[in-house]
N, C-alpha and C. Protein backbone atom coordinates (compact mmCIF):
# COMPACT_ATOMS: atom_id res chain seq x y z
N UNK A 1 -16.88 -17.91 32.59
CA UNK A 1 -17.12 -16.70 31.22
C UNK A 1 -18.29 -17.32 30.53
N UNK A 2 -19.18 -16.11 30.36
CA UNK A 2 -20.58 -16.26 29.75
C UNK A 2 -20.45 -16.32 28.22
N UNK A 3 -21.40 -16.68 27.53
CA UNK A 3 -21.27 -16.96 26.08
C UNK A 3 -21.09 -15.51 25.41
N UNK A 4 -21.82 -14.37 26.07
CA UNK A 4 -21.62 -12.99 25.78
C UNK A 4 -20.06 -12.77 25.68
N UNK A 5 -19.44 -13.00 26.78
CA UNK A 5 -18.29 -12.80 27.06
C UNK A 5 -17.30 -13.48 25.97
N UNK A 6 -17.57 -14.78 25.84
CA UNK A 6 -16.64 -15.44 24.70
C UNK A 6 -16.95 -14.93 23.10
N UNK A 7 -18.16 -14.34 22.90
CA UNK A 7 -18.59 -13.98 21.70
C UNK A 7 -17.89 -12.48 21.60
N UNK A 8 -17.72 -11.77 22.63
CA UNK A 8 -17.01 -10.51 22.62
C UNK A 8 -15.53 -10.63 22.27
N UNK A 9 -15.08 -11.80 22.98
CA UNK A 9 -13.55 -11.95 22.77
C UNK A 9 -13.14 -12.37 21.57
N UNK A 10 -14.20 -13.02 20.79
CA UNK A 10 -14.22 -13.55 19.35
C UNK A 10 -13.95 -12.55 18.56
N UNK A 11 -15.18 -11.61 18.60
CA UNK A 11 -15.03 -10.45 17.77
C UNK A 11 -13.88 -9.42 17.88
N UNK A 12 -13.23 -9.39 19.27
CA UNK A 12 -11.97 -8.60 19.35
C UNK A 12 -10.82 -9.33 18.73
N UNK A 13 -10.61 -10.51 18.86
CA UNK A 13 -9.69 -11.33 18.08
C UNK A 13 -9.87 -11.08 16.65
N UNK A 14 -11.13 -11.23 16.05
CA UNK A 14 -11.22 -10.94 14.62
C UNK A 14 -10.80 -9.59 14.14
N UNK A 15 -11.04 -8.62 15.07
CA UNK A 15 -10.75 -7.25 14.64
C UNK A 15 -9.21 -7.15 14.48
N UNK A 16 -8.49 -7.74 15.50
CA UNK A 16 -7.17 -7.81 15.77
C UNK A 16 -6.43 -8.32 14.41
N UNK A 17 -7.15 -9.52 13.88
CA UNK A 17 -6.58 -10.24 12.96
C UNK A 17 -6.93 -9.40 11.43
N UNK A 18 -8.08 -8.74 11.33
CA UNK A 18 -8.36 -7.99 10.32
C UNK A 18 -7.60 -6.76 10.13
N UNK A 19 -7.38 -6.14 11.24
CA UNK A 19 -6.51 -4.97 11.26
C UNK A 19 -5.06 -5.17 10.65
N UNK A 20 -4.58 -6.39 11.10
CA UNK A 20 -3.19 -6.82 10.89
C UNK A 20 -3.30 -7.19 9.23
N UNK A 21 -4.08 -7.97 8.83
CA UNK A 21 -4.31 -7.91 7.32
C UNK A 21 -4.31 -6.64 6.45
N UNK A 22 -5.02 -5.78 7.18
CA UNK A 22 -5.26 -4.61 6.23
C UNK A 22 -3.79 -3.88 6.40
N UNK A 23 -3.29 -3.78 7.22
CA UNK A 23 -1.91 -3.38 7.39
C UNK A 23 -0.96 -3.77 6.37
N UNK A 24 -0.98 -5.10 6.53
CA UNK A 24 -0.04 -5.89 5.42
C UNK A 24 -0.45 -5.58 4.01
N UNK A 25 -1.52 -5.53 3.83
CA UNK A 25 -2.20 -5.30 2.40
C UNK A 25 -1.96 -3.83 2.04
N UNK A 26 -2.12 -2.94 3.01
CA UNK A 26 -1.74 -1.47 2.61
C UNK A 26 -0.21 -1.25 2.20
N UNK A 27 0.69 -1.97 2.96
CA UNK A 27 1.99 -2.02 2.83
C UNK A 27 2.43 -2.65 1.48
N UNK A 28 2.01 -3.80 1.21
CA UNK A 28 2.01 -4.38 -0.14
C UNK A 28 1.60 -3.62 -1.28
N UNK A 29 0.49 -2.90 -1.07
CA UNK A 29 -0.13 -2.10 -2.16
C UNK A 29 0.82 -1.09 -2.62
N UNK A 30 1.27 -0.42 -1.34
CA UNK A 30 2.24 0.81 -1.68
C UNK A 30 3.54 0.25 -2.20
N UNK A 31 4.03 -0.96 -1.96
CA UNK A 31 5.39 -1.49 -2.45
C UNK A 31 5.02 -1.93 -3.92
N UNK A 32 3.87 -2.32 -4.26
CA UNK A 32 3.72 -2.51 -5.70
C UNK A 32 3.34 -1.27 -6.45
N UNK A 33 2.61 -0.16 -5.83
CA UNK A 33 2.67 1.17 -6.60
C UNK A 33 3.93 1.72 -6.80
N UNK A 34 4.97 1.69 -5.62
CA UNK A 34 6.30 1.89 -5.90
C UNK A 34 7.04 1.44 -6.96
N UNK A 35 6.67 0.05 -7.26
CA UNK A 35 7.37 -0.68 -8.52
C UNK A 35 6.81 -0.16 -9.54
N UNK A 36 5.59 -0.05 -9.91
CA UNK A 36 4.85 0.55 -10.98
C UNK A 36 5.33 1.96 -11.37
N UNK A 37 5.44 2.95 -10.15
CA UNK A 37 5.97 4.30 -10.54
C UNK A 37 7.23 4.09 -11.10
N UNK A 38 8.16 3.26 -10.26
CA UNK A 38 9.51 3.27 -10.78
C UNK A 38 9.76 2.81 -12.34
N UNK A 39 8.86 1.98 -12.71
CA UNK A 39 8.78 1.51 -14.16
C UNK A 39 8.41 2.76 -15.02
N UNK A 40 7.39 3.47 -14.40
CA UNK A 40 6.96 4.59 -15.18
C UNK A 40 8.14 5.87 -15.46
N UNK A 41 8.89 5.83 -14.45
CA UNK A 41 9.93 6.86 -14.51
C UNK A 41 11.42 6.20 -15.08
N UNK A 42 11.29 4.70 -15.51
CA UNK A 42 12.36 4.30 -15.92
C UNK A 42 13.28 3.54 -15.08
N UNK A 43 13.09 3.12 -13.75
CA UNK A 43 14.00 2.60 -13.13
C UNK A 43 13.72 1.29 -13.02
N UNK A 44 14.91 0.51 -13.04
CA UNK A 44 14.78 -0.94 -12.86
C UNK A 44 15.67 -1.48 -11.71
N UNK A 45 15.30 -2.95 -11.67
CA UNK A 45 16.38 -3.58 -10.64
C UNK A 45 16.45 -3.04 -9.30
N UNK A 46 17.72 -3.05 -8.75
CA UNK A 46 17.82 -2.51 -7.33
C UNK A 46 17.20 -0.90 -7.00
N UNK A 47 17.17 -0.07 -8.15
CA UNK A 47 16.93 1.27 -7.74
C UNK A 47 15.38 1.12 -7.75
N UNK A 48 14.60 0.23 -8.60
CA UNK A 48 13.20 0.19 -8.48
C UNK A 48 12.79 -0.38 -7.17
N UNK A 49 13.31 -1.53 -6.70
CA UNK A 49 13.17 -2.05 -5.21
C UNK A 49 13.45 -1.06 -4.20
N UNK A 50 14.63 -0.22 -4.16
CA UNK A 50 14.82 1.02 -3.23
C UNK A 50 13.58 2.05 -3.32
N UNK A 51 13.46 2.47 -4.66
CA UNK A 51 12.28 3.38 -4.70
C UNK A 51 10.77 3.01 -4.13
N UNK A 52 10.72 1.77 -4.46
CA UNK A 52 9.48 1.11 -3.84
C UNK A 52 9.40 1.13 -1.98
N UNK A 53 10.54 1.08 -1.54
CA UNK A 53 10.82 0.96 -0.16
C UNK A 53 10.36 2.30 0.37
N UNK A 54 10.70 3.28 -0.36
CA UNK A 54 10.47 4.92 0.19
C UNK A 54 9.07 5.10 -0.13
N UNK A 55 8.37 4.48 -1.09
CA UNK A 55 6.83 4.70 -1.10
C UNK A 55 6.31 3.97 0.11
N UNK A 56 6.78 3.15 0.41
CA UNK A 56 6.07 2.45 1.61
C UNK A 56 6.40 3.16 2.90
N UNK A 57 7.44 3.81 2.94
CA UNK A 57 7.97 4.37 4.10
C UNK A 57 7.05 5.88 4.13
N UNK A 58 6.86 6.38 3.03
CA UNK A 58 5.92 7.55 2.93
C UNK A 58 4.49 7.56 3.45
N UNK A 59 4.10 6.06 3.71
CA UNK A 59 2.98 6.18 4.41
C UNK A 59 2.99 6.21 5.91
N UNK A 60 4.22 5.95 6.28
CA UNK A 60 4.46 6.18 7.66
C UNK A 60 4.76 7.57 8.38
N UNK A 61 5.27 8.26 7.39
CA UNK A 61 5.73 9.67 7.91
C UNK A 61 4.41 10.77 8.28
N UNK A 62 4.91 11.38 9.33
CA UNK A 62 3.83 12.22 9.78
C UNK A 62 3.71 13.32 9.21
N UNK A 63 4.50 13.89 8.40
CA UNK A 63 4.44 14.90 7.37
C UNK A 63 4.22 14.72 6.07
N UNK A 64 3.88 15.71 5.08
CA UNK A 64 3.96 15.37 3.82
C UNK A 64 2.51 15.01 3.62
N UNK A 65 2.25 14.50 2.26
CA UNK A 65 0.98 14.15 1.76
C UNK A 65 0.93 12.80 1.52
N UNK A 66 1.65 11.88 2.09
CA UNK A 66 1.59 10.43 1.99
C UNK A 66 2.13 9.75 0.96
N UNK A 67 1.50 8.66 0.73
CA UNK A 67 1.89 7.83 -0.54
C UNK A 67 1.55 8.54 -2.09
N UNK A 68 0.24 8.81 -2.09
CA UNK A 68 -0.22 9.74 -3.18
C UNK A 68 0.78 10.86 -3.56
N UNK A 69 0.73 11.54 -2.59
CA UNK A 69 1.61 12.93 -2.80
C UNK A 69 2.95 12.77 -3.14
N UNK A 70 3.56 11.54 -2.59
CA UNK A 70 4.88 11.18 -2.98
C UNK A 70 5.05 10.81 -4.45
N UNK A 71 4.08 9.99 -4.95
CA UNK A 71 4.18 9.39 -6.22
C UNK A 71 3.97 10.53 -7.03
N UNK A 72 2.79 11.29 -6.77
CA UNK A 72 2.62 12.40 -7.76
C UNK A 72 3.84 13.45 -8.00
N UNK A 73 4.33 13.73 -6.84
CA UNK A 73 5.72 14.49 -6.99
C UNK A 73 6.86 13.93 -7.69
N UNK A 74 6.81 12.67 -7.40
CA UNK A 74 8.04 12.11 -8.25
C UNK A 74 7.60 11.86 -9.80
N UNK A 75 6.52 11.35 -9.98
CA UNK A 75 6.20 11.31 -11.32
C UNK A 75 6.28 12.68 -12.13
N UNK A 76 5.84 13.67 -11.53
CA UNK A 76 5.82 15.24 -12.13
C UNK A 76 7.37 15.44 -12.31
N UNK A 77 8.14 15.37 -11.39
CA UNK A 77 9.54 15.67 -11.64
C UNK A 77 10.11 14.70 -12.64
N UNK A 78 9.70 13.78 -13.00
CA UNK A 78 10.41 12.96 -14.07
C UNK A 78 9.79 13.08 -15.33
N UNK A 79 8.86 14.09 -15.23
CA UNK A 79 8.00 14.60 -16.58
C UNK A 79 6.94 13.65 -16.89
N UNK A 80 6.53 12.77 -16.26
CA UNK A 80 5.42 11.69 -16.55
C UNK A 80 4.11 12.30 -15.93
N UNK A 81 3.18 12.44 -17.06
CA UNK A 81 1.99 12.98 -16.55
C UNK A 81 0.83 11.78 -16.23
N UNK A 82 0.42 11.94 -14.95
CA UNK A 82 -0.60 10.72 -14.63
C UNK A 82 -1.55 11.59 -13.63
N UNK A 83 -2.75 11.62 -14.05
CA UNK A 83 -3.69 12.27 -13.10
C UNK A 83 -4.08 11.68 -11.84
N UNK A 84 -4.59 12.42 -10.91
CA UNK A 84 -4.96 11.75 -9.46
C UNK A 84 -6.00 10.79 -9.78
N UNK A 85 -6.53 11.07 -10.53
CA UNK A 85 -7.88 9.88 -10.88
C UNK A 85 -7.29 8.58 -11.20
N UNK A 86 -6.33 8.67 -12.31
CA UNK A 86 -5.65 7.57 -12.91
C UNK A 86 -4.63 6.76 -11.56
N UNK A 87 -4.04 7.75 -10.65
CA UNK A 87 -3.33 7.02 -9.60
C UNK A 87 -4.25 6.40 -8.74
N UNK A 88 -5.30 6.90 -8.30
CA UNK A 88 -6.14 6.27 -7.47
C UNK A 88 -6.83 5.32 -7.87
N UNK A 89 -7.30 4.95 -9.21
CA UNK A 89 -7.59 3.85 -10.04
C UNK A 89 -6.69 2.65 -9.85
N UNK A 90 -5.25 3.09 -10.19
CA UNK A 90 -4.10 2.05 -10.08
C UNK A 90 -4.12 1.59 -8.68
N UNK A 91 -3.99 2.80 -7.67
CA UNK A 91 -3.87 2.15 -6.36
C UNK A 91 -5.05 0.81 -5.91
N UNK A 92 -6.25 1.42 -6.33
CA UNK A 92 -7.35 0.44 -6.15
C UNK A 92 -7.14 -1.01 -6.88
N UNK A 93 -6.75 -1.05 -8.10
CA UNK A 93 -6.36 -2.26 -8.80
C UNK A 93 -5.26 -2.83 -7.90
N UNK A 94 -4.35 -2.19 -7.49
CA UNK A 94 -3.07 -2.83 -6.72
C UNK A 94 -3.54 -3.21 -5.35
N UNK A 95 -4.54 -2.69 -4.74
CA UNK A 95 -5.03 -3.16 -3.52
C UNK A 95 -5.78 -4.42 -3.61
N UNK A 96 -6.47 -4.47 -4.63
CA UNK A 96 -7.16 -6.01 -4.89
C UNK A 96 -6.08 -6.89 -4.89
N UNK A 97 -5.01 -6.67 -5.66
CA UNK A 97 -3.79 -7.55 -5.86
C UNK A 97 -3.14 -7.87 -4.69
N UNK A 98 -3.12 -6.85 -3.82
CA UNK A 98 -2.26 -6.92 -2.54
C UNK A 98 -3.03 -7.85 -1.30
N UNK A 99 -4.30 -7.65 -1.54
CA UNK A 99 -5.24 -8.33 -0.54
C UNK A 99 -5.17 -9.97 -0.98
N UNK A 100 -5.24 -10.31 -2.28
CA UNK A 100 -5.08 -11.78 -2.62
C UNK A 100 -3.77 -12.40 -2.27
N UNK A 101 -2.83 -11.27 -2.57
CA UNK A 101 -1.53 -11.97 -2.11
C UNK A 101 -1.19 -12.11 -0.50
N UNK A 102 -1.80 -11.17 0.15
CA UNK A 102 -1.60 -11.62 1.58
C UNK A 102 -2.49 -12.55 1.97
N UNK A 103 -3.65 -12.78 1.54
CA UNK A 103 -4.51 -13.79 1.92
C UNK A 103 -3.73 -15.10 1.46
N UNK A 104 -3.20 -14.93 0.00
CA UNK A 104 -2.53 -16.27 0.06
C UNK A 104 -1.06 -16.64 0.37
N UNK A 105 -0.76 -15.73 1.31
CA UNK A 105 0.55 -15.81 2.06
C UNK A 105 1.81 -15.72 1.18
N UNK A 106 1.54 -14.85 0.16
CA UNK A 106 2.66 -14.71 -0.58
C UNK A 106 3.39 -13.60 -0.31
């Protein structure tokens, strides 16, 4: 194996690891967002945890508008007004927290 081959293999392994971390961080962010939205619409305890799982699942559904569409619709149905800009800012904030949690192994 040449040095170039070893280097290429190293980059491929790093890519796989980075993608795995990104996947975990996305899922963690969606869970945190679900818990935040649950609090906004008055859910607590098991109901909030269950709702957060549905937000995570929304990211994997082939139909619909994904996480942002789900939480926007759910907030609207509950009569809570949050702009798309505010939701995106909250998602960015929670992504930073999720990344730090995933890196820390939490």
